[in-house]
């Protein structure tokens, strides 16, 4: 987690969220991590355009038509967050 820093937080109709970005590795430059304060099962890595999501708790993606490189980057980012 030390590679990831808080970039934003907000409360909305889905709950309380804290957002993280990684400034250490270039391959994660277009990815952010969304932590749901109230429901950790909704934590996810996402592309910054919010097109692609990876829910690491369940190991699922928001779409089956995701490019393989994006899929791998989201998984790698998730693993980096939880192993650093």
C-alpha atoms as a PDB file:
ATOM      1  CA  UNK A   1       0.000   0.000   0.000  1.00  0.00           C
ATOM      2  CA  UNK A   2       2.890   2.413   0.427  1.00  0.00           C
ATOM      3  CA  UNK A   3       2.956   2.777  -3.370  1.00  0.00           C
ATOM      4  CA  UNK A   4      -0.596   4.139  -3.244  1.00  0.00           C
ATOM      5  CA  UNK A   5      -1.686   7.520  -1.855  1.00  0.00           C
ATOM      6  CA  UNK A   6      -5.111   8.962  -1.182  1.00  0.00           C
ATOM      7  CA  UNK A   7      -6.233  11.204  -4.009  1.00  0.00           C
ATOM      8  CA  UNK A   8      -9.838  11.926  -3.027  1.00  0.00           C
ATOM      9  CA  UNK A   9     -12.756  10.885  -0.873  1.00  0.00           C
ATOM     10  CA  UNK A  10     -16.476  11.416  -1.104  1.00  0.00           C
ATOM     11  CA  UNK A  11     -19.802  10.412   0.261  1.00  0.00           C
ATOM     12  CA  UNK A  12     -22.534   9.712  -2.255  1.00  0.00           C
ATOM     13  CA  UNK A  13     -25.694   7.650  -2.598  1.00  0.00           C
ATOM     14  CA  UNK A  14     -23.659   4.417  -2.641  1.00  0.00           C
ATOM     15  CA  UNK A  15     -21.741   5.186   0.543  1.00  0.00           C
ATOM     16  CA  UNK A  16     -18.389   6.537   1.629  1.00  0.00           C
ATOM     17  CA  UNK A  17     -15.473   6.125  -0.772  1.00  0.00           C
ATOM     18  CA  UNK A  18     -11.727   6.731  -0.558  1.00  0.00           C
ATOM     19  CA  UNK A  19      -9.743   6.871  -3.792  1.00  0.00           C
ATOM     20  CA  UNK A  20      -6.072   5.999  -4.205  1.00  0.00           C
ATOM     21  CA  UNK A  21      -3.553   6.447  -7.028  1.00  0.00           C
ATOM     22  CA  UNK A  22      -0.125   4.934  -7.540  1.00  0.00           C
ATOM     23  CA  UNK A  23       2.599   7.375  -8.508  1.00  0.00           C
ATOM     24  CA  UNK A  24       5.419   4.833  -8.248  1.00  0.00           C
ATOM     25  CA  UNK A  25       4.780   2.583 -11.274  1.00  0.00           C
ATOM     26  CA  UNK A  26       4.007   3.912 -14.761  1.00  0.00           C
ATOM     27  CA  UNK A  27       1.907   0.866 -15.644  1.00  0.00           C
ATOM     28  CA  UNK A  28      -0.661   1.973 -13.048  1.00  0.00           C
ATOM     29  CA  UNK A  29      -0.806   5.629 -14.147  1.00  0.00           C
ATOM     30  CA  UNK A  30      -4.275   5.235 -15.699  1.00  0.00           C
ATOM     31  CA  UNK A  31      -5.736   3.229 -12.805  1.00  0.00           C
ATOM     32  CA  UNK A  32      -7.224   4.209  -9.472  1.00  0.00           C
ATOM     33  CA  UNK A  33      -8.305   2.150  -6.480  1.00  0.00           C
ATOM     34  CA  UNK A  34     -11.726   2.779  -4.955  1.00  0.00           C
ATOM     35  CA  UNK A  35     -12.214   1.643  -1.355  1.00  0.00           C
ATOM     36  CA  UNK A  36     -15.738   1.476  -0.028  1.00  0.00           C
ATOM     37  CA  UNK A  37     -15.582   2.388   3.652  1.00  0.00           C
ATOM     38  CA  UNK A  38     -18.922   0.775   4.479  1.00  0.00           C
ATOM     39  CA  UNK A  39     -18.921  -2.276   2.177  1.00  0.00           C
ATOM     40  CA  UNK A  40     -15.367  -3.529   1.503  1.00  0.00           C
ATOM     41  CA  UNK A  41     -16.724  -6.143  -0.920  1.00  0.00           C
ATOM     42  CA  UNK A  42     -17.298  -3.289  -3.376  1.00  0.00           C
ATOM     43  CA  UNK A  43     -13.621  -2.246  -3.395  1.00  0.00           C
ATOM     44  CA  UNK A  44     -12.296  -2.179  -6.944  1.00  0.00           C
ATOM     45  CA  UNK A  45      -9.492  -1.126  -9.245  1.00  0.00           C
ATOM     46  CA  UNK A  46     -10.710   0.886 -12.220  1.00  0.00           C
ATOM     47  CA  UNK A  47      -9.375   2.692 -15.222  1.00  0.00           C
ATOM     48  CA  UNK A  48      -9.438   6.453 -14.709  1.00  0.00           C
ATOM     49  CA  UNK A  49     -12.149   6.803 -17.370  1.00  0.00           C
ATOM     50  CA  UNK A  50     -14.294   4.408 -15.251  1.00  0.00           C
ATOM     51  CA  UNK A  51     -14.789   2.113 -18.227  1.00  0.00           C
ATOM     52  CA  UNK A  52     -13.224  -1.017 -16.758  1.00  0.00           C
ATOM     53  CA  UNK A  53     -13.452  -2.367 -13.204  1.00  0.00           C
ATOM     54  CA  UNK A  54     -11.859  -5.266 -11.371  1.00  0.00           C
ATOM     55  CA  UNK A  55     -13.449  -6.420  -8.126  1.00  0.00           C
ATOM     56  CA  UNK A  56     -10.552  -8.223  -6.484  1.00  0.00           C
ATOM     57  CA  UNK A  57     -12.592  -9.565  -3.559  1.00  0.00           C
ATOM     58  CA  UNK A  58     -14.625 -11.693  -5.980  1.00  0.00           C
ATOM     59  CA  UNK A  59     -12.071 -11.829  -8.812  1.00  0.00           C
ATOM     60  CA  UNK A  60     -14.595 -10.468 -11.306  1.00  0.00           C
ATOM     61  CA  UNK A  61     -14.643  -7.741 -13.941  1.00  0.00           C
ATOM     62  CA  UNK A  62     -17.433  -5.393 -14.976  1.00  0.00           C
ATOM     63  CA  UNK A  63     -17.346  -6.570 -18.602  1.00  0.00           C
ATOM     64  CA  UNK A  64     -16.188  -9.707 -20.396  1.00  0.00           C
ATOM     65  CA  UNK A  65     -15.050  -7.662 -23.425  1.00  0.00           C
ATOM     66  CA  UNK A  66     -12.137  -6.006 -21.650  1.00  0.00           C
ATOM     67  CA  UNK A  67      -8.809  -5.935 -23.506  1.00  0.00           C
ATOM     68  CA  UNK A  68      -6.421  -8.509 -22.041  1.00  0.00           C
ATOM     69  CA  UNK A  69      -3.776  -5.870 -21.300  1.00  0.00           C
ATOM     70  CA  UNK A  70      -6.247  -3.788 -19.282  1.00  0.00           C
ATOM     71  CA  UNK A  71      -7.500  -6.876 -17.458  1.00  0.00           C
ATOM     72  CA  UNK A  72      -3.946  -7.805 -16.477  1.00  0.00           C
ATOM     73  CA  UNK A  73      -3.065  -4.239 -15.424  1.00  0.00           C
ATOM     74  CA  UNK A  74      -6.088  -4.081 -13.101  1.00  0.00           C
ATOM     75  CA  UNK A  75      -5.231  -7.429 -11.510  1.00  0.00           C
ATOM     76  CA  UNK A  76      -1.575  -6.416 -11.155  1.00  0.00           C
ATOM     77  CA  UNK A  77      -2.585  -3.114  -9.554  1.00  0.00           C
ATOM     78  CA  UNK A  78      -4.871  -4.903  -7.104  1.00  0.00           C
ATOM     79  CA  UNK A  79      -2.119  -7.335  -6.174  1.00  0.00           C
ATOM     80  CA  UNK A  80       0.369  -4.479  -5.788  1.00  0.00           C
ATOM     81  CA  UNK A  81      -1.941  -2.566  -3.463  1.00  0.00           C
ATOM     82  CA  UNK A  82      -2.407  -5.550  -1.172  1.00  0.00           C
ATOM     83  CA  UNK A  83       1.180  -6.820  -1.168  1.00  0.00           C
ATOM     84  CA  UNK A  84       3.211  -3.636  -0.712  1.00  0.00           C
END
